[in-house]
C-alpha atoms as a PDB file:
ATOM      1  CA  UNK A   1       3.200 -16.244  -1.403  1.00  0.00           C
ATOM      2  CA  UNK A   2       1.715 -14.786   1.624  1.00  0.00           C
ATOM      3  CA  UNK A   3      -1.851 -15.763   3.265  1.00  0.00           C
ATOM      4  CA  UNK A   4      -4.554 -13.350   1.817  1.00  0.00           C
ATOM      5  CA  UNK A   5      -4.620 -11.214   5.235  1.00  0.00           C
ATOM      6  CA  UNK A   6      -0.877 -11.118   5.361  1.00  0.00           C
ATOM      7  CA  UNK A   7       1.719  -8.474   4.236  1.00  0.00           C
ATOM      8  CA  UNK A   8       4.718  -8.255   3.286  1.00  0.00           C
ATOM      9  CA  UNK A   9       7.035  -5.877   5.251  1.00  0.00           C
ATOM     10  CA  UNK A  10       7.666  -3.560   1.946  1.00  0.00           C
ATOM     11  CA  UNK A  11       3.578  -3.575   1.559  1.00  0.00           C
ATOM     12  CA  UNK A  12       3.102  -2.736   5.015  1.00  0.00           C
ATOM     13  CA  UNK A  13       5.805   0.265   5.229  1.00  0.00           C
ATOM     14  CA  UNK A  14       4.234   1.148   1.628  1.00  0.00           C
ATOM     15  CA  UNK A  15       0.627   1.542   3.352  1.00  0.00           C
ATOM     16  CA  UNK A  16       1.724   3.182   6.450  1.00  0.00           C
ATOM     17  CA  UNK A  17       3.380   6.199   4.742  1.00  0.00           C
ATOM     18  CA  UNK A  18       0.392   6.100   2.163  1.00  0.00           C
ATOM     19  CA  UNK A  19      -2.321   6.243   5.002  1.00  0.00           C
ATOM     20  CA  UNK A  20       0.046   9.016   6.740  1.00  0.00           C
ATOM     21  CA  UNK A  21      -0.087  11.466   3.682  1.00  0.00           C
ATOM     22  CA  UNK A  22       3.286  10.931   2.177  1.00  0.00           C
ATOM     23  CA  UNK A  23       3.384  11.717  -1.370  1.00  0.00           C
ATOM     24  CA  UNK A  24       3.785   9.011  -3.856  1.00  0.00           C
ATOM     25  CA  UNK A  25       6.932  10.756  -5.003  1.00  0.00           C
ATOM     26  CA  UNK A  26       8.363  10.489  -1.570  1.00  0.00           C
ATOM     27  CA  UNK A  27       7.389   7.038  -0.740  1.00  0.00           C
ATOM     28  CA  UNK A  28       9.005   6.116  -3.765  1.00  0.00           C
ATOM     29  CA  UNK A  29      12.401   7.895  -2.831  1.00  0.00           C
ATOM     30  CA  UNK A  30      12.378   6.862   0.600  1.00  0.00           C
ATOM     31  CA  UNK A  31      11.803   3.015  -0.678  1.00  0.00           C
ATOM     32  CA  UNK A  32      14.415   3.435  -3.359  1.00  0.00           C
ATOM     33  CA  UNK A  33      11.935   2.724  -6.165  1.00  0.00           C
ATOM     34  CA  UNK A  34      10.322   4.418  -9.034  1.00  0.00           C
ATOM     35  CA  UNK A  35       7.315   6.181  -8.879  1.00  0.00           C
ATOM     36  CA  UNK A  36       5.604   4.057 -11.439  1.00  0.00           C
ATOM     37  CA  UNK A  37       6.554   0.931  -9.629  1.00  0.00           C
ATOM     38  CA  UNK A  38       5.324   2.187  -6.346  1.00  0.00           C
ATOM     39  CA  UNK A  39       1.985   2.903  -8.127  1.00  0.00           C
ATOM     40  CA  UNK A  40       1.724  -0.913  -9.444  1.00  0.00           C
ATOM     41  CA  UNK A  41       2.201  -1.965  -6.043  1.00  0.00           C
ATOM     42  CA  UNK A  42      -0.522   0.511  -4.878  1.00  0.00           C
ATOM     43  CA  UNK A  43      -2.800  -0.891  -7.556  1.00  0.00           C
ATOM     44  CA  UNK A  44      -2.071  -4.544  -6.557  1.00  0.00           C
ATOM     45  CA  UNK A  45      -2.809  -3.829  -3.104  1.00  0.00           C
ATOM     46  CA  UNK A  46      -6.112  -2.320  -3.891  1.00  0.00           C
ATOM     47  CA  UNK A  47      -6.823  -5.080  -6.603  1.00  0.00           C
ATOM     48  CA  UNK A  48      -6.216  -7.466  -3.338  1.00  0.00           C
ATOM     49  CA  UNK A  49      -8.198  -5.719  -1.053  1.00  0.00           C
ATOM     50  CA  UNK A  50     -11.040  -5.009  -3.694  1.00  0.00           C
ATOM     51  CA  UNK A  51     -10.953  -1.121  -3.179  1.00  0.00           C
ATOM     52  CA  UNK A  52     -11.708   1.466  -5.826  1.00  0.00           C
ATOM     53  CA  UNK A  53      -9.720   4.002  -4.189  1.00  0.00           C
ATOM     54  CA  UNK A  54      -6.996   4.823  -2.131  1.00  0.00           C
ATOM     55  CA  UNK A  55      -9.429   5.729   0.573  1.00  0.00           C
ATOM     56  CA  UNK A  56     -10.817   2.475   0.565  1.00  0.00           C
ATOM     57  CA  UNK A  57      -7.702   0.365   0.760  1.00  0.00           C
ATOM     58  CA  UNK A  58      -6.952   2.746   3.973  1.00  0.00           C
ATOM     59  CA  UNK A  59     -10.080   1.318   5.178  1.00  0.00           C
ATOM     60  CA  UNK A  60      -9.750  -2.259   4.509  1.00  0.00           C
ATOM     61  CA  UNK A  61      -5.969  -2.175   5.545  1.00  0.00           C
ATOM     62  CA  UNK A  62      -7.369  -0.766   8.682  1.00  0.00           C
ATOM     63  CA  UNK A  63     -10.051  -3.251   9.448  1.00  0.00           C
ATOM     64  CA  UNK A  64      -8.004  -5.969   8.257  1.00  0.00           C
ATOM     65  CA  UNK A  65      -4.870  -5.274  10.642  1.00  0.00           C
ATOM     66  CA  UNK A  66      -2.594  -4.383   7.547  1.00  0.00           C
ATOM     67  CA  UNK A  67      -1.181  -1.377   9.640  1.00  0.00           C
END
């Protein structure tokens, strides 16, 4: 497992697309994952960053160098 403030390249790509405003459907397609898998991954990132919303996740990502 990675250190608490280090993301995998996949999670980093996911966050960058999410912050850019790309839809879940498009992100899932680009990453060759199902929308449900993508949503679970986003949920894990939100839990990891203690974010209640995707906006809070984006703020956390920016503050902690995840982007």
